[in-house]
N, C-alpha and C. Protein backbone atom coordinates (compact mmCIF):
# COMPACT_ATOMS: atom_id res chain seq x y z
N MET A 1 -24.77 8.14 -3.02
CA MET A 1 -23.95 7.14 -3.07
C MET A 1 -22.73 7.78 -2.86
N SER A 2 -22.13 7.38 -2.15
CA SER A 2 -20.11 8.27 -2.15
C SER A 2 -19.37 7.47 -2.91
N LEU A 3 -18.42 8.09 -3.65
CA LEU A 3 -17.37 7.51 -4.88
C LEU A 3 -16.20 6.82 -3.66
N THR A 4 -15.57 5.87 -4.00
CA THR A 4 -14.18 5.05 -4.07
C THR A 4 -13.12 6.09 -3.59
N LYS A 5 -12.10 5.86 -3.12
CA LYS A 5 -10.92 7.39 -3.40
C LYS A 5 -10.71 6.70 -5.53
N ARG A 6 -10.73 5.14 -5.83
CA ARG A 6 -9.79 5.45 -7.35
C ARG A 6 -11.30 5.86 -8.01
N GLN A 7 -12.36 6.24 -7.57
CA GLN A 7 -13.52 6.29 -8.48
C GLN A 7 -13.37 7.89 -8.47
N GLU A 8 -13.32 8.59 -7.06
CA GLU A 8 -13.04 10.08 -7.12
C GLU A 8 -11.95 10.63 -7.85
N ALA A 9 -10.61 9.48 -7.68
CA ALA A 9 -9.24 10.33 -8.68
C ALA A 9 -10.00 10.01 -9.97
N TYR A 10 -10.12 9.40 -10.75
CA TYR A 10 -10.92 8.64 -12.01
C TYR A 10 -11.47 10.07 -12.27
N CYS A 11 -12.52 10.65 -11.39
CA CYS A 11 -13.80 11.78 -11.89
C CYS A 11 -12.12 12.83 -12.21
N GLN A 12 -11.96 13.25 -10.87
CA GLN A 12 -10.86 14.09 -11.34
C GLN A 12 -9.73 14.57 -12.52
N ASN A 13 -9.85 13.09 -12.83
CA ASN A 13 -8.27 12.98 -14.06
C ASN A 13 -9.42 13.54 -15.32
N VAL A 14 -10.72 12.37 -15.34
CA VAL A 14 -11.53 13.21 -16.27
C VAL A 14 -11.94 14.60 -16.61
N ALA A 15 -12.06 14.91 -15.45
CA ALA A 15 -12.21 16.64 -15.56
C ALA A 15 -11.48 17.62 -15.97
N GLU A 16 -10.20 17.27 -15.82
CA GLU A 16 -8.87 17.73 -16.13
C GLU A 16 -8.98 17.75 -17.32
N GLY A 17 -9.19 16.88 -18.11
CA GLY A 17 -9.07 16.34 -19.57
C GLY A 17 -8.35 15.09 -20.04
N LEU A 18 -7.86 14.42 -19.18
CA LEU A 18 -7.43 13.30 -19.52
C LEU A 18 -8.04 11.89 -20.13
N ASP A 19 -8.05 11.49 -21.32
CA ASP A 19 -8.64 10.36 -21.88
C ASP A 19 -8.94 9.39 -20.76
N ASP A 20 -9.91 8.19 -20.94
CA ASP A 20 -10.76 7.70 -20.02
C ASP A 20 -9.34 6.64 -19.56
N LEU A 21 -8.47 5.70 -20.49
CA LEU A 21 -7.86 5.09 -20.22
C LEU A 21 -6.74 5.12 -19.33
N ASP A 22 -6.28 6.78 -20.02
CA ASP A 22 -4.82 7.44 -18.91
C ASP A 22 -5.56 7.54 -17.84
N ALA A 23 -7.24 8.27 -17.35
CA ALA A 23 -7.27 8.72 -16.10
C ALA A 23 -7.75 7.56 -15.46
N MET A 24 -8.03 6.17 -15.60
CA MET A 24 -8.06 5.14 -15.30
C MET A 24 -6.97 4.84 -14.47
N ALA A 25 -5.77 4.35 -15.26
CA ALA A 25 -4.12 3.86 -14.79
C ALA A 25 -3.76 4.80 -13.58
N ASP A 26 -4.05 6.58 -14.39
CA ASP A 26 -3.27 7.52 -13.19
C ASP A 26 -4.07 7.17 -11.85
N ALA A 27 -5.56 6.99 -11.61
CA ALA A 27 -6.49 6.45 -10.50
C ALA A 27 -6.15 5.42 -9.85
N GLY A 28 -4.99 4.46 -10.71
CA GLY A 28 -4.68 3.15 -9.95
C GLY A 28 -5.54 1.98 -10.23
N TYR A 29 -6.35 2.21 -11.46
CA TYR A 29 -6.77 0.87 -11.68
C TYR A 29 -5.92 0.22 -12.66
N LYS A 30 -5.95 -1.17 -12.34
CA LYS A 30 -4.83 -2.02 -13.13
C LYS A 30 -5.64 -2.93 -13.71
N ALA A 31 -5.39 -2.81 -15.50
CA ALA A 31 -6.06 -3.99 -15.74
C ALA A 31 -4.88 -4.78 -16.37
N LYS A 32 -5.55 -6.44 -16.58
CA LYS A 32 -4.25 -6.99 -17.18
C LYS A 32 -4.67 -7.03 -18.32
N SER A 33 -5.72 -7.23 -18.77
CA SER A 33 -5.51 -6.83 -20.53
C SER A 33 -6.71 -5.93 -20.96
N GLN A 34 -6.35 -5.62 -22.25
CA GLN A 34 -7.49 -4.47 -22.94
C GLN A 34 -8.47 -4.73 -22.62
N ALA A 35 -9.11 -6.01 -22.78
CA ALA A 35 -10.69 -6.63 -22.42
C ALA A 35 -11.34 -5.98 -20.86
N ASN A 36 -10.16 -5.94 -19.59
CA ASN A 36 -10.57 -5.83 -18.80
C ASN A 36 -10.41 -4.75 -18.68
N ALA A 37 -9.88 -3.38 -19.17
CA ALA A 37 -9.52 -2.06 -19.34
C ALA A 37 -10.83 -2.10 -19.76
N GLU A 38 -11.57 -2.43 -20.74
CA GLU A 38 -12.31 -1.89 -21.30
C GLU A 38 -13.50 -1.96 -20.85
N ARG A 39 -14.13 -3.18 -20.02
CA ARG A 39 -14.83 -3.21 -18.95
C ARG A 39 -15.26 -2.88 -17.54
N SER A 40 -13.69 -2.27 -16.69
CA SER A 40 -13.69 -1.28 -16.13
C SER A 40 -14.65 0.18 -16.61
N LEU A 41 -14.33 -0.04 -17.62
CA LEU A 41 -14.43 1.53 -18.10
C LEU A 41 -16.09 1.90 -18.54
N LYS A 42 -16.31 0.67 -19.13
CA LYS A 42 -17.98 0.49 -19.26
C LYS A 42 -18.59 0.68 -17.58
N ASN A 43 -18.01 0.03 -16.89
CA ASN A 43 -18.51 -0.30 -15.35
C ASN A 43 -18.57 1.42 -15.30
N LEU A 44 -17.42 2.10 -15.55
CA LEU A 44 -17.33 3.54 -14.48
C LEU A 44 -18.35 4.73 -15.44
N LYS A 45 -18.36 4.11 -16.50
CA LYS A 45 -19.35 5.22 -17.76
C LYS A 45 -20.96 4.32 -17.28
N ASP A 46 -21.14 3.46 -16.64
CA ASP A 46 -22.44 3.22 -16.27
C ASP A 46 -22.63 3.46 -14.82
N ASN A 47 -21.70 3.77 -14.29
CA ASN A 47 -22.09 4.63 -13.01
C ASN A 47 -22.77 5.91 -13.20
N GLU A 48 -23.56 6.08 -12.46
CA GLU A 48 -24.58 7.75 -12.04
C GLU A 48 -24.08 8.38 -11.72
N ALA A 49 -23.04 8.22 -10.12
CA ALA A 49 -22.39 9.06 -9.51
C ALA A 49 -21.48 9.45 -10.00
N VAL A 50 -20.76 8.86 -10.46
CA VAL A 50 -19.23 8.51 -11.55
C VAL A 50 -19.53 10.00 -12.13
N GLN A 51 -20.54 9.35 -13.13
CA GLN A 51 -20.74 10.74 -14.07
C GLN A 51 -21.51 11.90 -13.65
N ASN A 52 -22.68 12.17 -12.51
CA ASN A 52 -22.83 13.41 -11.64
C ASN A 52 -21.81 13.73 -11.47
N ARG A 53 -20.49 13.28 -10.62
CA ARG A 53 -19.28 14.04 -9.90
C ARG A 53 -18.60 14.79 -11.46
N ILE A 54 -18.18 14.04 -12.54
CA ILE A 54 -17.31 14.41 -13.44
C ILE A 54 -18.38 16.09 -13.89
N THR A 55 -19.05 15.47 -14.27
CA THR A 55 -20.19 16.91 -14.63
C THR A 55 -19.65 18.12 -13.36
N GLU A 56 -20.09 17.93 -12.03
CA GLU A 56 -19.94 18.71 -11.27
C GLU A 56 -18.21 19.19 -11.21
N LEU A 57 -17.40 18.39 -11.18
CA LEU A 57 -15.66 18.91 -11.59
C LEU A 57 -15.96 19.92 -12.49
N ARG A 58 -16.28 19.44 -13.42
CA ARG A 58 -16.34 20.03 -14.99
C ARG A 58 -16.49 21.72 -14.91
N ALA A 59 -17.94 21.75 -13.87
CA ALA A 59 -18.94 22.80 -14.04
C ALA A 59 -17.50 23.84 -12.92
N ILE A 60 -17.02 22.84 -11.80
CA ILE A 60 -16.48 23.62 -10.72
C ILE A 60 -15.24 24.22 -12.00
N ASN A 61 -14.12 23.57 -12.75
CA ASN A 61 -12.89 23.87 -13.03
C ASN A 61 -13.65 24.78 -13.96
N LEU A 62 -14.41 24.93 -14.57
CA LEU A 62 -15.20 26.39 -15.76
C LEU A 62 -14.77 27.41 -14.33
N LEU A 63 -15.65 27.41 -13.51
CA LEU A 63 -16.21 28.45 -12.53
C LEU A 63 -15.07 29.22 -12.28
N GLU A 64 -13.54 28.18 -11.69
CA GLU A 64 -12.54 28.72 -11.01
C GLU A 64 -11.59 29.12 -12.33
N SER A 65 -11.79 28.39 -13.91
CA SER A 65 -10.76 29.24 -14.48
C SER A 65 -11.34 30.83 -15.29
N GLY A 66 -12.82 30.59 -15.21
CA GLY A 66 -13.31 31.61 -15.74
C GLY A 66 -13.64 31.54 -17.49
N GLU A 67 -13.16 30.25 -17.90
CA GLU A 67 -13.17 30.14 -19.15
C GLU A 67 -15.00 29.77 -19.43
N SER A 68 -15.24 29.97 -20.85
CA SER A 68 -16.38 29.86 -21.84
C SER A 68 -17.02 28.68 -21.91
N PRO A 69 -17.87 28.22 -21.67
CA PRO A 69 -18.13 26.44 -21.63
C PRO A 69 -18.64 26.29 -22.81
N GLU A 70 -18.32 27.05 -23.85
CA GLU A 70 -18.53 26.19 -25.30
C GLU A 70 -18.27 24.56 -25.41
N GLY A 71 -18.99 23.70 -26.03
CA GLY A 71 -18.42 22.97 -26.26
C GLY A 71 -18.63 21.77 -25.33
N GLU A 72 -19.29 22.36 -23.79
CA GLU A 72 -19.50 21.51 -22.66
C GLU A 72 -21.04 20.82 -23.08
N SER A 73 -21.07 20.18 -22.16
CA SER A 73 -22.76 19.52 -22.13
C SER A 73 -23.70 20.39 -21.48
N ALA A 74 -25.14 20.59 -21.74
CA ALA A 74 -25.98 21.07 -21.01
C ALA A 74 -26.26 20.89 -19.61
N GLU A 75 -25.55 19.63 -19.04
CA GLU A 75 -25.27 19.63 -18.23
C GLU A 75 -24.69 20.33 -17.34
N VAL A 76 -23.41 20.60 -17.67
CA VAL A 76 -22.22 21.15 -17.30
C VAL A 76 -22.46 22.54 -16.75
N ILE A 77 -23.38 23.07 -18.44
CA ILE A 77 -23.81 24.22 -18.33
C ILE A 77 -24.47 24.85 -17.47
N GLU A 78 -25.50 24.12 -17.27
CA GLU A 78 -26.48 24.62 -16.51
C GLU A 78 -26.27 24.61 -15.12
N LEU A 79 -25.30 23.68 -14.32
CA LEU A 79 -24.45 23.29 -13.44
C LEU A 79 -23.76 24.46 -13.05
N VAL A 80 -23.09 25.35 -13.92
CA VAL A 80 -22.23 26.07 -14.00
C VAL A 80 -22.99 27.19 -13.67
N ASN A 81 -24.26 27.71 -14.37
CA ASN A 81 -25.20 29.24 -13.85
C ASN A 81 -25.53 29.01 -12.12
N ALA A 82 -25.75 27.66 -12.60
CA ALA A 82 -26.55 27.82 -11.06
C ALA A 82 -25.40 28.16 -9.61
N LEU A 83 -23.98 27.14 -10.13
CA LEU A 83 -23.28 27.44 -9.16
C LEU A 83 -22.69 28.89 -9.04
N HIS A 84 -22.60 29.05 -10.20
CA HIS A 84 -22.23 30.96 -10.29
C HIS A 84 -23.01 31.90 -9.30
N PHE A 85 -24.55 31.14 -9.75
CA PHE A 85 -25.55 31.63 -8.64
C PHE A 85 -25.45 31.55 -7.36
N PHE A 86 -25.08 30.83 -6.64
CA PHE A 86 -24.91 30.45 -5.28
C PHE A 86 -23.68 31.06 -4.86
N GLN A 87 -22.63 31.46 -5.54
CA GLN A 87 -21.25 31.40 -5.09
C GLN A 87 -21.16 33.10 -4.96
N THR A 88 -22.37 33.05 -6.21
CA THR A 88 -22.32 34.97 -5.66
C THR A 88 -23.36 35.50 -4.84
N VAL A 89 -24.18 34.54 -4.09
CA VAL A 89 -25.38 35.36 -3.33
C VAL A 89 -23.96 34.71 -1.92
N TYR A 90 -23.50 33.81 -2.04
CA TYR A 90 -22.89 33.33 -0.27
C TYR A 90 -21.86 34.36 0.15
N LYS A 91 -21.23 34.59 -1.01
CA LYS A 91 -19.62 35.48 -0.95
C LYS A 91 -20.39 37.23 -0.89
N ASP A 92 -21.34 37.49 -1.30
CA ASP A 92 -22.22 38.47 -1.09
C ASP A 92 -22.54 39.41 0.55
N ARG A 93 -21.73 40.37 0.85
CA ARG A 93 -22.29 40.41 2.25
C ARG A 93 -22.97 41.21 2.15
N SER A 94 -23.89 42.06 1.39
CA SER A 94 -25.05 42.70 1.46
C SER A 94 -25.81 41.71 1.91
N LYS A 95 -25.79 40.39 1.28
CA LYS A 95 -27.09 40.03 1.54
C LYS A 95 -27.44 39.42 2.85
N SER A 96 -28.77 38.90 3.06
CA SER A 96 -29.24 38.20 4.61
C SER A 96 -28.29 37.20 4.92
N MET A 97 -28.22 36.71 6.18
CA MET A 97 -27.11 35.80 6.53
C MET A 97 -28.03 34.35 6.43
N LYS A 98 -29.17 34.26 6.55
CA LYS A 98 -30.13 33.27 5.75
C LYS A 98 -29.75 32.96 4.76
N ASP A 99 -29.70 34.03 3.78
CA ASP A 99 -29.95 33.52 2.49
C ASP A 99 -28.67 33.13 2.21
N ARG A 100 -27.65 33.91 2.62
CA ARG A 100 -26.28 33.23 2.33
C ARG A 100 -26.11 31.91 2.77
N ILE A 101 -26.39 31.54 4.06
CA ILE A 101 -25.97 30.16 4.09
C ILE A 101 -26.96 28.95 3.56
N SER A 102 -27.80 29.69 3.47
CA SER A 102 -29.10 28.52 2.45
C SER A 102 -28.32 28.33 1.25
N CYS A 103 -27.31 29.61 0.65
CA CYS A 103 -27.09 29.17 -0.66
C CYS A 103 -25.46 28.40 -0.41
N ALA A 104 -24.61 28.72 0.66
CA ALA A 104 -23.57 28.31 0.88
C ALA A 104 -23.61 26.58 0.62
N THR A 105 -24.91 25.88 1.62
CA THR A 105 -25.30 24.78 1.87
C THR A 105 -25.16 24.20 0.73
N ILE A 106 -26.20 24.86 -0.01
CA ILE A 106 -26.44 24.24 -1.64
C ILE A 106 -25.36 24.03 -2.40
N ALA A 107 -24.05 24.46 -2.31
CA ALA A 107 -23.39 25.26 -3.26
C ALA A 107 -21.99 23.87 -2.83
N ILE A 108 -21.92 23.81 -1.36
CA ILE A 108 -21.00 22.99 -0.74
C ILE A 108 -20.95 21.70 -1.18
N GLN A 109 -21.81 20.95 -1.60
CA GLN A 109 -22.02 19.53 -1.68
C GLN A 109 -21.34 19.13 -3.26
N TYR A 110 -21.38 20.23 -4.09
CA TYR A 110 -20.35 20.21 -5.24
C TYR A 110 -19.17 21.11 -5.31
N GLU A 111 -18.47 21.93 -4.43
CA GLU A 111 -17.46 22.40 -4.61
C GLU A 111 -16.47 21.25 -3.65
N GLU A 112 -16.88 20.63 -2.67
CA GLU A 112 -16.27 19.39 -1.75
C GLU A 112 -16.30 18.51 -1.94
N PRO A 113 -15.35 17.64 -2.58
CA PRO A 113 -15.42 16.03 -2.53
C PRO A 113 -16.14 15.37 -1.50
N LYS A 114 -17.11 14.74 -1.77
CA LYS A 114 -17.79 13.54 -0.80
C LYS A 114 -16.77 12.55 -0.37
N PRO A 115 -16.92 12.29 1.07
CA PRO A 115 -15.64 10.88 1.52
C PRO A 115 -16.46 9.80 1.59
N ALA A 116 -15.85 9.05 1.17
CA ALA A 116 -16.33 7.69 0.59
C ALA A 116 -16.72 6.74 1.87
N ALA A 117 -17.36 6.34 1.90
CA ALA A 117 -18.05 5.04 3.28
C ALA A 117 -16.83 4.21 3.27
N ILE A 118 -16.84 3.97 4.69
CA ILE A 118 -16.29 2.85 4.76
C ILE A 118 -16.63 1.69 4.79
N GLY A 119 -16.47 0.52 3.96
CA GLY A 119 -16.65 -0.48 3.77
C GLY A 119 -16.54 -1.97 4.44
N LYS A 120 -16.94 -2.71 4.70
CA LYS A 120 -17.08 -4.05 5.90
C LYS A 120 -15.57 -4.52 5.82
N LYS A 121 -14.92 -4.73 4.68
CA LYS A 121 -13.74 -5.10 4.92
C LYS A 121 -12.84 -4.19 5.52
N GLU A 122 -12.78 -3.12 5.30
CA GLU A 122 -12.21 -2.14 5.76
C GLU A 122 -12.35 -1.83 7.39
N GLN A 123 -13.22 -1.38 7.97
CA GLN A 123 -13.75 -2.04 8.96
C GLN A 123 -13.25 -2.91 9.60
N GLY A 124 -13.98 -4.16 9.17
CA GLY A 124 -12.95 -5.07 9.84
C GLY A 124 -11.49 -4.83 10.15
N LYS A 125 -10.59 -4.77 9.01
CA LYS A 125 -9.38 -4.98 9.72
C LYS A 125 -9.10 -3.60 10.20
N ARG A 126 -9.58 -2.78 10.83
CA ARG A 126 -9.51 -1.44 11.32
C ARG A 126 -9.97 -2.39 12.92
N ASP A 127 -10.91 -2.91 12.94
CA ASP A 127 -11.34 -3.73 14.25
C ASP A 127 -9.87 -4.60 15.05
N ALA A 128 -9.39 -5.42 13.58
CA ALA A 128 -8.37 -6.34 13.93
C ALA A 128 -7.47 -5.77 14.53
N LYS A 129 -6.99 -4.58 13.76
CA LYS A 129 -5.77 -3.71 13.88
C LYS A 129 -6.08 -3.19 15.73
N THR A 130 -7.03 -3.13 15.88
CA THR A 130 -7.66 -2.35 17.50
C THR A 130 -7.34 -3.05 18.59
N GLY A 131 -8.12 -4.79 17.72
CA GLY A 131 -8.01 -5.65 18.81
C GLY A 131 -6.94 -6.44 19.43
N THR A 132 -5.30 -6.03 18.62
CA THR A 132 -4.05 -6.49 18.73
C THR A 132 -3.68 -5.58 19.39
N LYS A 133 -4.04 -4.33 20.04
CA LYS A 133 -3.40 -3.76 21.11
C LYS A 133 -3.63 -3.96 22.49
N SER A 134 -5.08 -4.02 22.82
CA SER A 134 -5.24 -4.58 24.28
C SER A 134 -6.33 -5.59 24.33
N GLY A 135 -6.39 -6.02 25.24
CA GLY A 135 -7.70 -7.08 25.77
C GLY A 135 -6.76 -8.14 25.38
N ARG A 136 -7.65 -9.77 25.53
CA ARG A 136 -6.82 -10.91 25.53
C ARG A 136 -6.33 -11.22 24.52
N PHE A 137 -6.61 -10.51 23.11
CA PHE A 137 -6.39 -11.19 22.08
C PHE A 137 -4.68 -10.22 21.54
N ALA A 138 -4.24 -9.60 21.85
CA ALA A 138 -2.82 -8.86 22.22
C ALA A 138 -1.89 -9.31 21.45
N THR A 139 -1.20 -9.13 20.29
CA THR A 139 -0.11 -9.63 20.17
C THR A 139 0.96 -9.52 21.11
N LEU A 140 2.03 -10.23 20.98
CA LEU A 140 3.29 -10.54 22.13
C LEU A 140 4.36 -8.80 22.12
N ASN A 141 3.86 -8.22 20.84
CA ASN A 141 4.46 -6.91 21.59
C ASN A 141 3.53 -6.07 22.20
N ASN A 142 2.72 -6.40 22.13
CA ASN A 142 1.10 -5.25 22.66
C ASN A 142 0.97 -5.96 23.94
N GLN A 143 1.48 -6.68 24.85
CA GLN A 143 1.05 -7.43 25.89
C GLN A 143 1.58 -6.58 27.16
N PRO A 144 0.85 -6.24 28.36
CA PRO A 144 1.85 -5.79 29.51
C PRO A 144 2.49 -6.73 29.95
N ASP A 145 3.43 -6.10 30.43
CA ASP A 145 4.68 -7.13 31.20
C ASP A 145 4.31 -7.84 32.45
N MET A 146 4.92 -9.17 32.42
CA MET A 146 4.39 -10.00 33.45
C MET A 146 4.67 -9.28 34.27
N TYR A 147 3.69 -10.08 35.91
CA TYR A 147 4.10 -9.56 37.26
C TYR A 147 4.19 -10.44 37.38
N THR A 148 5.74 -10.28 38.16
CA THR A 148 6.25 -10.83 38.44
C THR A 148 6.75 -11.01 40.20
N SER A 149 7.04 -11.67 41.32
CA SER A 149 7.05 -11.36 42.11
C SER A 149 8.68 -11.20 42.64
N LYS A 150 8.83 -10.59 43.59
CA LYS A 150 10.34 -9.92 44.02
C LYS A 150 10.80 -11.07 45.24
N THR A 151 9.72 -11.53 45.84
CA THR A 151 10.23 -12.95 46.72
C THR A 151 10.32 -14.00 46.24
N THR A 152 11.11 -14.94 46.64
CA THR A 152 11.89 -16.07 46.00
C THR A 152 11.89 -17.17 46.94
N GLN A 153 11.67 -17.89 47.00
CA GLN A 153 11.94 -18.87 47.95
C GLN A 153 13.61 -19.72 48.67
């Protein structure tokens, strides 16, 4: 399951060390009350895809910074070790191309964010917008000029 843009931004913020509520606010989550904010936060914490992405981002941040993984969860440490192995193999020019490609395909899913799928509402809005550009339902600004005849009576 892919994440929405706000969920991805929340994951990035948490992985960088922001507090959960600050990460939500920075990602664009708006809560009318403290209870709504806590409910949204609980939904994010219960979402397995969000938690997996946070683990991936923490592991990637540790690899890039070269810091010690002390104080991190076992999942993050395990992922750091695996990613480090895959990165070492796919960057090593002395390895066979087949091994490098297979390691790169495994590592890329953790290194690059997953694009969010377009939902039905967003697709409907895009279809409506393209429908106003041409065809029978084109808006006044997008209609072709009326054909007029130069002959008069």
